[in-house]
């Protein structure tokens, strides 16, 4: 059996994907690691996903094969995606970048082609924090675009697929208990398929990874396993996270059930490009991570990584006000 396990929300989600890959290996799967290659503004000054790399092999328009020497040049800055950092940390020779500039059909087709070529039996998209379980009316939701584009992709693949999430609320967007309530709602509809906590062997692997990969949301589950409890601040003081031992548990969910219970997911049931997906969310009053990056870049250019947490909050608040409030019924 062969599984393709990828970080669904970009950046450090690949660390949580690695946790899932280790679990699947223990169940007899040969696992292949991938990630949506989109780095936060503190790493990459250019808004949007990274689709062009140096030292890669092009599989198709959506998928590129990365190695430990792969990187991107973004407005003159060398950017090493978190998946490459992970590959170096644990000596993985090949990983796969997913480009999400295109429309839903093109992304699904590209991944399906890759899955068939690689003889993949099972696909797992992994999200750190659980904001992929949002309904869309949550005022604190900050990065819905990537998650809900890829949730809809998962729901349309030909190969059997699941969604996994770990670190309930660890990205500081949705409350810890709210994530658990959503998981319970999905479970009541038959959508909870498995759960797995970090164990000692996985923790040892994470120690290696977290020395190299830059992530806050995917670090919380490891810290929870090591005894962290209570409220902590992340994202330069702009987000609060409540951590408990449950933060170290990964839940495996049916993506179709998640979509059916999420109004925001249905907004992106069709989109013709990344820009179209962003517009569709804007039309229902949702300010996305892409909007934030574009506004930061418009104001600060390549100095976006130097912006204070207070300025980020100000730009996000102004952006939400500009869209006139959320228009979804949840």
Protein backbone atom coordinates (compact mmCIF):
# COMPACT_ATOMS: atom_id res chain seq x y z
CA UNK A 1 0.00 0.00 0.00
CA UNK A 2 1.25 3.44 -0.89
CA UNK A 3 0.10 6.76 0.58
CA UNK A 4 0.64 10.36 -0.51
CA UNK A 5 0.62 12.56 2.61
CA UNK A 6 0.79 16.32 2.13
CA UNK A 7 0.67 19.53 4.14
CA UNK A 8 -2.65 20.98 3.13
CA UNK A 9 -2.33 24.60 4.26
CA UNK A 10 1.20 25.45 3.15
CA UNK A 11 4.25 26.31 5.26
CA UNK A 12 4.71 24.32 8.44
CA UNK A 13 1.74 22.03 7.83
CA UNK A 14 4.26 19.65 6.28
CA UNK A 15 5.55 18.88 9.80
CA UNK A 16 2.10 17.65 10.78
CA UNK A 17 1.98 15.71 7.50
CA UNK A 18 5.19 13.99 8.58
CA UNK A 19 3.54 12.95 11.87
CA UNK A 20 0.76 11.34 9.84
CA UNK A 21 3.26 9.71 7.49
CA UNK A 22 5.07 8.09 10.43
CA UNK A 23 1.76 6.75 11.72
CA UNK A 24 0.85 5.32 8.32
CA UNK A 25 4.28 3.69 8.03
CA UNK A 26 3.60 1.88 11.30
CA UNK A 27 0.43 0.52 9.66
CA UNK A 28 2.38 -0.83 6.68
CA UNK A 29 2.14 2.04 4.18
CA UNK A 30 4.96 3.21 1.95
CA UNK A 31 4.57 6.98 2.32
CA UNK A 32 5.41 9.87 0.02
CA UNK A 33 5.56 13.41 1.42
CA UNK A 34 4.23 16.53 -0.27
CA UNK A 35 3.06 20.05 0.51
CA UNK A 36 1.23 23.00 -0.90
CA UNK A 37 4.25 25.29 -1.33
CA UNK A 38 3.05 28.59 0.06
CA UNK A 39 5.16 30.26 2.73
CA UNK A 40 3.96 32.93 5.16
CA UNK A 41 5.01 36.53 4.53
CA UNK A 42 7.69 36.26 7.23
CA UNK A 43 9.50 33.76 4.99
CA UNK A 44 8.52 34.82 1.47
CA UNK A 45 8.04 38.49 0.50
CA UNK A 46 5.98 37.67 -2.59
CA UNK A 47 2.22 37.14 -2.10
CA UNK A 48 0.87 33.76 -3.14
CA UNK A 49 2.14 30.23 -3.71
CA UNK A 50 5.59 29.19 -4.87
CA UNK A 51 5.32 27.32 -8.15
CA UNK A 52 8.72 27.92 -9.75
CA UNK A 53 11.82 26.31 -8.24
CA UNK A 54 15.47 25.69 -8.92
CA UNK A 55 16.75 22.08 -8.87
CA UNK A 56 13.42 20.32 -9.40
CA UNK A 57 11.78 17.87 -11.79
CA UNK A 58 8.47 18.94 -13.34
CA UNK A 59 5.88 16.15 -13.08
CA UNK A 60 3.03 18.20 -14.55
CA UNK A 61 1.64 21.74 -14.28
CA UNK A 62 0.57 21.14 -10.66
CA UNK A 63 3.25 18.85 -9.19
CA UNK A 64 7.02 19.24 -9.02
CA UNK A 65 9.47 16.77 -7.52
CA UNK A 66 11.76 18.44 -4.99
CA UNK A 67 15.09 17.30 -3.57
CA UNK A 68 17.20 18.50 -0.65
CA UNK A 69 18.81 21.17 -2.83
CA UNK A 70 15.59 22.67 -4.19
CA UNK A 71 14.82 26.34 -3.55
CA UNK A 72 13.01 29.33 -5.02
CA UNK A 73 14.15 32.86 -5.81
CA UNK A 74 11.47 35.42 -4.91
CA UNK A 75 12.32 39.01 -5.87
CA UNK A 76 15.98 38.25 -5.36
CA UNK A 77 15.52 36.45 -2.04
CA UNK A 78 16.41 32.77 -1.74
CA UNK A 79 13.45 30.97 -0.13
CA UNK A 80 13.77 27.40 1.12
CA UNK A 81 10.28 25.88 1.49
CA UNK A 82 9.54 24.15 4.77
CA UNK A 83 9.12 20.80 2.99
CA UNK A 84 12.76 21.02 1.83
CA UNK A 85 13.90 21.86 5.36
CA UNK A 86 12.02 18.78 6.60
CA UNK A 87 13.56 16.59 3.89
CA UNK A 88 17.03 17.69 4.97
CA UNK A 89 16.27 17.15 8.67
CA UNK A 90 15.20 13.51 8.27
CA UNK A 91 17.06 12.71 5.03
CA UNK A 92 14.10 12.28 2.68
CA UNK A 93 15.41 12.27 -0.89
CA UNK A 94 12.24 13.25 -2.76
CA UNK A 95 9.23 15.39 -1.86
CA UNK A 96 6.45 16.89 -3.95
CA UNK A 97 5.36 20.51 -4.29
CA UNK A 98 1.72 21.26 -5.11
CA UNK A 99 1.07 24.49 -7.03
CA UNK A 100 -2.40 25.96 -6.48
CA UNK A 101 -2.49 28.83 -8.96
CA UNK A 102 -4.91 27.03 -11.26
CA UNK A 103 -8.61 26.15 -10.98
CA UNK A 104 -10.19 23.28 -9.09
CA UNK A 105 -10.44 21.02 -12.14
CA UNK A 106 -6.81 21.57 -13.14
CA UNK A 107 -5.50 20.94 -9.61
CA UNK A 108 -7.59 17.77 -9.25
CA UNK A 109 -6.51 16.56 -12.70
CA UNK A 110 -2.82 17.21 -11.99
CA UNK A 111 -2.91 15.40 -8.66
CA UNK A 112 -4.92 12.51 -10.12
CA UNK A 113 -2.33 12.13 -12.88
CA UNK A 114 0.45 12.12 -10.26
CA UNK A 115 -1.37 9.55 -8.09
CA UNK A 116 -1.84 7.22 -11.04
CA UNK A 117 1.80 7.55 -12.13
CA UNK A 118 3.07 6.89 -8.60
CA UNK A 119 0.57 4.07 -7.99
CA UNK A 120 -0.87 5.74 -4.88
CA UNK A 121 -3.63 3.88 -2.99
CA UNK A 122 -4.48 6.51 -0.40
CA UNK A 123 -4.21 10.31 -0.04
CA UNK A 124 -4.08 12.24 3.22
CA UNK A 125 -4.21 16.03 3.41
CA UNK A 126 -3.03 17.33 6.80
CA UNK A 127 -3.87 20.63 8.46
CA UNK A 128 -2.26 21.98 11.63
CA UNK A 129 -4.64 23.85 13.91
CA UNK A 130 -7.96 22.75 12.50
CA UNK A 131 -9.06 25.97 10.79
CA UNK A 132 -9.98 23.75 7.83
CA UNK A 133 -13.00 22.79 9.98
CA UNK A 134 -14.32 26.37 10.04
CA UNK A 135 -17.82 27.19 8.83
CA UNK A 136 -16.86 30.66 7.64
CA UNK A 137 -18.61 32.96 10.10
CA UNK A 138 -15.83 32.85 12.68
CA UNK A 139 -14.45 36.39 13.12
CA UNK A 140 -10.99 35.07 14.05
CA UNK A 141 -10.58 32.94 10.91
CA UNK A 142 -7.44 34.21 9.18
CA UNK A 143 -6.24 31.74 6.53
CA UNK A 144 -9.23 30.13 4.81
CA UNK A 145 -8.17 30.30 1.16
CA UNK A 146 -5.56 27.54 0.89
CA UNK A 147 -7.38 25.20 3.28
CA UNK A 148 -10.74 25.32 1.54
CA UNK A 149 -9.34 25.17 -1.96
CA UNK A 150 -7.51 21.98 -0.99
CA UNK A 151 -10.39 20.55 1.06
CA UNK A 152 -12.49 20.66 -2.11
CA UNK A 153 -9.64 19.08 -4.05
CA UNK A 154 -9.51 16.22 -1.52
CA UNK A 155 -13.23 15.70 -1.93
CA UNK A 156 -12.92 15.24 -5.69
CA UNK A 157 -9.89 12.96 -6.07
CA UNK A 158 -10.38 9.53 -7.65
CA UNK A 159 -8.15 7.88 -5.05
CA UNK A 160 -9.47 7.23 -1.53
CA UNK A 161 -8.67 10.28 0.58
CA UNK A 162 -9.00 11.61 4.11
CA UNK A 163 -8.43 14.91 5.86
CA UNK A 164 -6.37 14.97 9.06
CA UNK A 165 -5.98 17.74 11.61
CA UNK A 166 -3.80 18.02 14.70
CA UNK A 167 -3.27 20.65 17.39
CA UNK A 168 -6.84 21.85 17.96
CA UNK A 169 -6.59 25.63 17.62
CA UNK A 170 -2.77 25.59 17.47
CA UNK A 171 -2.64 28.26 14.74
CA UNK A 172 -4.57 30.65 16.98
CA UNK A 173 -7.44 31.15 14.55
CA UNK A 174 -10.22 29.06 16.16
CA UNK A 175 -10.72 28.15 19.81
CA UNK A 176 -9.47 24.77 21.07
CA UNK A 177 -12.94 23.67 22.24
CA UNK A 178 -14.60 24.93 19.07
CA UNK A 179 -12.41 22.62 16.98
CA UNK A 180 -13.34 19.68 19.22
CA UNK A 181 -17.02 20.59 18.90
CA UNK A 182 -16.70 20.58 15.11
CA UNK A 183 -14.97 17.20 15.19
CA UNK A 184 -17.83 15.87 17.34
CA UNK A 185 -20.37 17.24 14.85
CA UNK A 186 -18.55 15.54 11.97
CA UNK A 187 -18.27 12.32 14.02
CA UNK A 188 -22.03 12.30 14.61
CA UNK A 189 -22.44 12.10 10.82
CA UNK A 190 -19.99 9.21 10.49
CA UNK A 191 -17.12 11.42 9.36
CA UNK A 192 -14.54 10.60 12.05
CA UNK A 193 -12.46 7.68 10.80
CA UNK A 194 -9.46 7.42 13.14
CA UNK A 195 -7.39 9.25 15.74
CA UNK A 196 -3.75 9.00 16.73
CA UNK A 197 -1.68 10.79 19.36
CA UNK A 198 2.01 11.60 19.15
CA UNK A 199 4.06 8.83 20.80
CA UNK A 200 7.69 8.68 21.97
CA UNK A 201 9.05 7.49 18.62
CA UNK A 202 7.24 10.22 16.68
CA UNK A 203 8.36 12.80 19.26
CA UNK A 204 12.01 11.83 18.67
CA UNK A 205 11.57 12.39 14.95
CA UNK A 206 9.86 15.72 15.57
CA UNK A 207 12.80 16.87 17.67
CA UNK A 208 15.00 16.56 14.57
CA UNK A 209 12.46 18.23 12.30
CA UNK A 210 11.69 21.17 14.57
CA UNK A 211 15.36 22.12 14.72
CA UNK A 212 15.17 22.91 10.99
CA UNK A 213 11.57 23.70 10.05
CA UNK A 214 10.08 27.07 10.94
CA UNK A 215 6.59 26.55 12.28
CA UNK A 216 4.50 27.54 15.26
CA UNK A 217 1.20 25.72 14.66
CA UNK A 218 2.88 22.35 14.00
CA UNK A 219 5.23 22.80 16.97
CA UNK A 220 2.37 23.03 19.48
CA UNK A 221 1.39 19.31 19.27
CA UNK A 222 4.97 18.30 20.12
CA UNK A 223 5.05 20.77 23.00
CA UNK A 224 1.70 19.44 24.24
CA UNK A 225 3.12 15.91 24.24
CA UNK A 226 6.04 17.22 26.30
CA UNK A 227 3.71 18.76 28.89
CA UNK A 228 2.91 22.29 27.74
CA UNK A 229 -0.44 23.35 29.16
CA UNK A 230 -2.36 26.61 29.14
CA UNK A 231 -2.39 29.74 27.01
CA UNK A 232 0.54 30.79 24.82
CA UNK A 233 1.01 33.58 22.28
CA UNK A 234 2.12 33.00 18.67
CA UNK A 235 2.35 34.97 15.41
CA UNK A 236 4.34 37.81 16.98
CA UNK A 237 1.76 38.21 19.72
CA UNK A 238 -1.24 38.45 17.37
CA UNK A 239 -2.76 35.04 18.21
CA UNK A 240 -3.57 33.17 21.44
CA UNK A 241 -3.47 29.37 21.64
CA UNK A 242 -4.86 27.23 24.45
CA UNK A 243 -2.80 24.04 24.75
CA UNK A 244 -3.85 20.77 26.44
CA UNK A 245 -2.77 17.12 26.02
CA UNK A 246 -5.54 16.84 23.39
CA UNK A 247 -3.44 19.20 21.25
CA UNK A 248 -1.13 16.25 20.51
CA UNK A 249 -3.91 14.14 18.95
CA UNK A 250 -4.54 13.88 15.21
CA UNK A 251 -8.06 13.26 13.95
CA UNK A 252 -8.75 11.66 10.56
CA UNK A 253 -11.94 12.84 8.86
CA UNK A 254 -13.97 12.21 5.72
CA UNK A 255 -13.46 15.37 3.61
CA UNK A 256 -16.90 15.05 1.99
CA UNK A 257 -18.61 15.15 5.38
CA UNK A 258 -16.51 18.17 6.37
CA UNK A 259 -17.53 19.95 3.14
CA UNK A 260 -21.21 19.18 3.72
CA UNK A 261 -21.10 20.77 7.18
CA UNK A 262 -19.16 23.89 6.11
CA UNK A 263 -20.77 26.83 4.25
CA UNK A 264 -17.37 28.31 3.41
CA UNK A 265 -16.27 25.05 1.78
CA UNK A 266 -19.30 25.20 -0.49
CA UNK A 267 -18.34 28.72 -1.62
CA UNK A 268 -15.26 27.11 -3.20
CA UNK A 269 -17.02 24.06 -4.65
CA UNK A 270 -15.98 25.52 -8.01
CA UNK A 271 -13.22 28.02 -8.84
CA UNK A 272 -11.32 28.67 -12.04
CA UNK A 273 -8.06 29.97 -10.54
CA UNK A 274 -6.47 31.09 -7.30
CA UNK A 275 -7.59 34.65 -8.03
CA UNK A 276 -11.16 33.47 -8.65
CA UNK A 277 -11.19 31.51 -5.37
CA UNK A 278 -10.00 34.60 -3.52
CA UNK A 279 -12.71 36.75 -5.16
CA UNK A 280 -15.40 34.23 -4.23
CA UNK A 281 -14.41 34.44 -0.57
CA UNK A 282 -14.21 38.24 -0.74
CA UNK A 283 -17.73 38.35 -2.17
CA UNK A 284 -19.07 36.73 1.02
CA UNK A 285 -17.07 39.14 3.16
CA UNK A 286 -14.11 36.88 4.00
CA UNK A 287 -10.64 38.43 4.13
CA UNK A 288 -8.03 35.82 3.28
CA UNK A 289 -4.34 35.22 3.95
CA UNK A 290 -3.69 36.11 0.30
CA UNK A 291 -5.43 39.46 0.81
CA UNK A 292 -3.27 40.09 3.87
CA UNK A 293 -0.09 39.27 1.95
CA UNK A 294 -1.07 41.55 -0.92
CA UNK A 295 -1.91 44.42 1.43
CA UNK A 296 1.36 43.95 3.33
CA UNK A 297 3.35 43.86 0.10
CA UNK A 298 1.57 46.94 -1.23
CA UNK A 299 2.56 48.87 1.90
CA UNK A 300 5.92 47.39 2.88
CA UNK A 301 7.22 45.59 -0.24
CA UNK A 302 9.98 43.12 0.48
CA UNK A 303 10.14 44.34 4.11
CA UNK A 304 6.91 42.50 4.98
CA UNK A 305 8.80 40.14 7.27
CA UNK A 306 9.82 43.10 9.45
CA UNK A 307 6.26 44.31 10.10
CA UNK A 308 5.13 44.38 13.73
CA UNK A 309 2.25 42.29 15.03
CA UNK A 310 0.28 45.48 15.70
CA UNK A 311 0.61 46.56 12.07
CA UNK A 312 -0.52 43.13 10.87
CA UNK A 313 -3.62 43.36 13.06
CA UNK A 314 -4.31 46.87 11.72
CA UNK A 315 -4.05 45.79 8.09
CA UNK A 316 -6.22 42.73 8.69
CA UNK A 317 -8.85 44.83 10.50
CA UNK A 318 -8.93 47.40 7.71
CA UNK A 319 -9.21 44.66 5.11
CA UNK A 320 -12.16 43.05 6.83
CA UNK A 321 -13.89 46.41 7.18
CA UNK A 322 -13.36 47.07 3.47
CA UNK A 323 -15.27 43.87 2.63
CA UNK A 324 -18.26 44.96 4.71
CA UNK A 325 -18.60 42.00 7.05
CA UNK A 326 -19.28 38.28 6.63
CA UNK A 327 -22.34 37.45 4.53
CA UNK A 328 -22.50 33.68 5.06
CA UNK A 329 -25.25 31.93 7.00
CA UNK A 330 -23.67 29.44 9.40
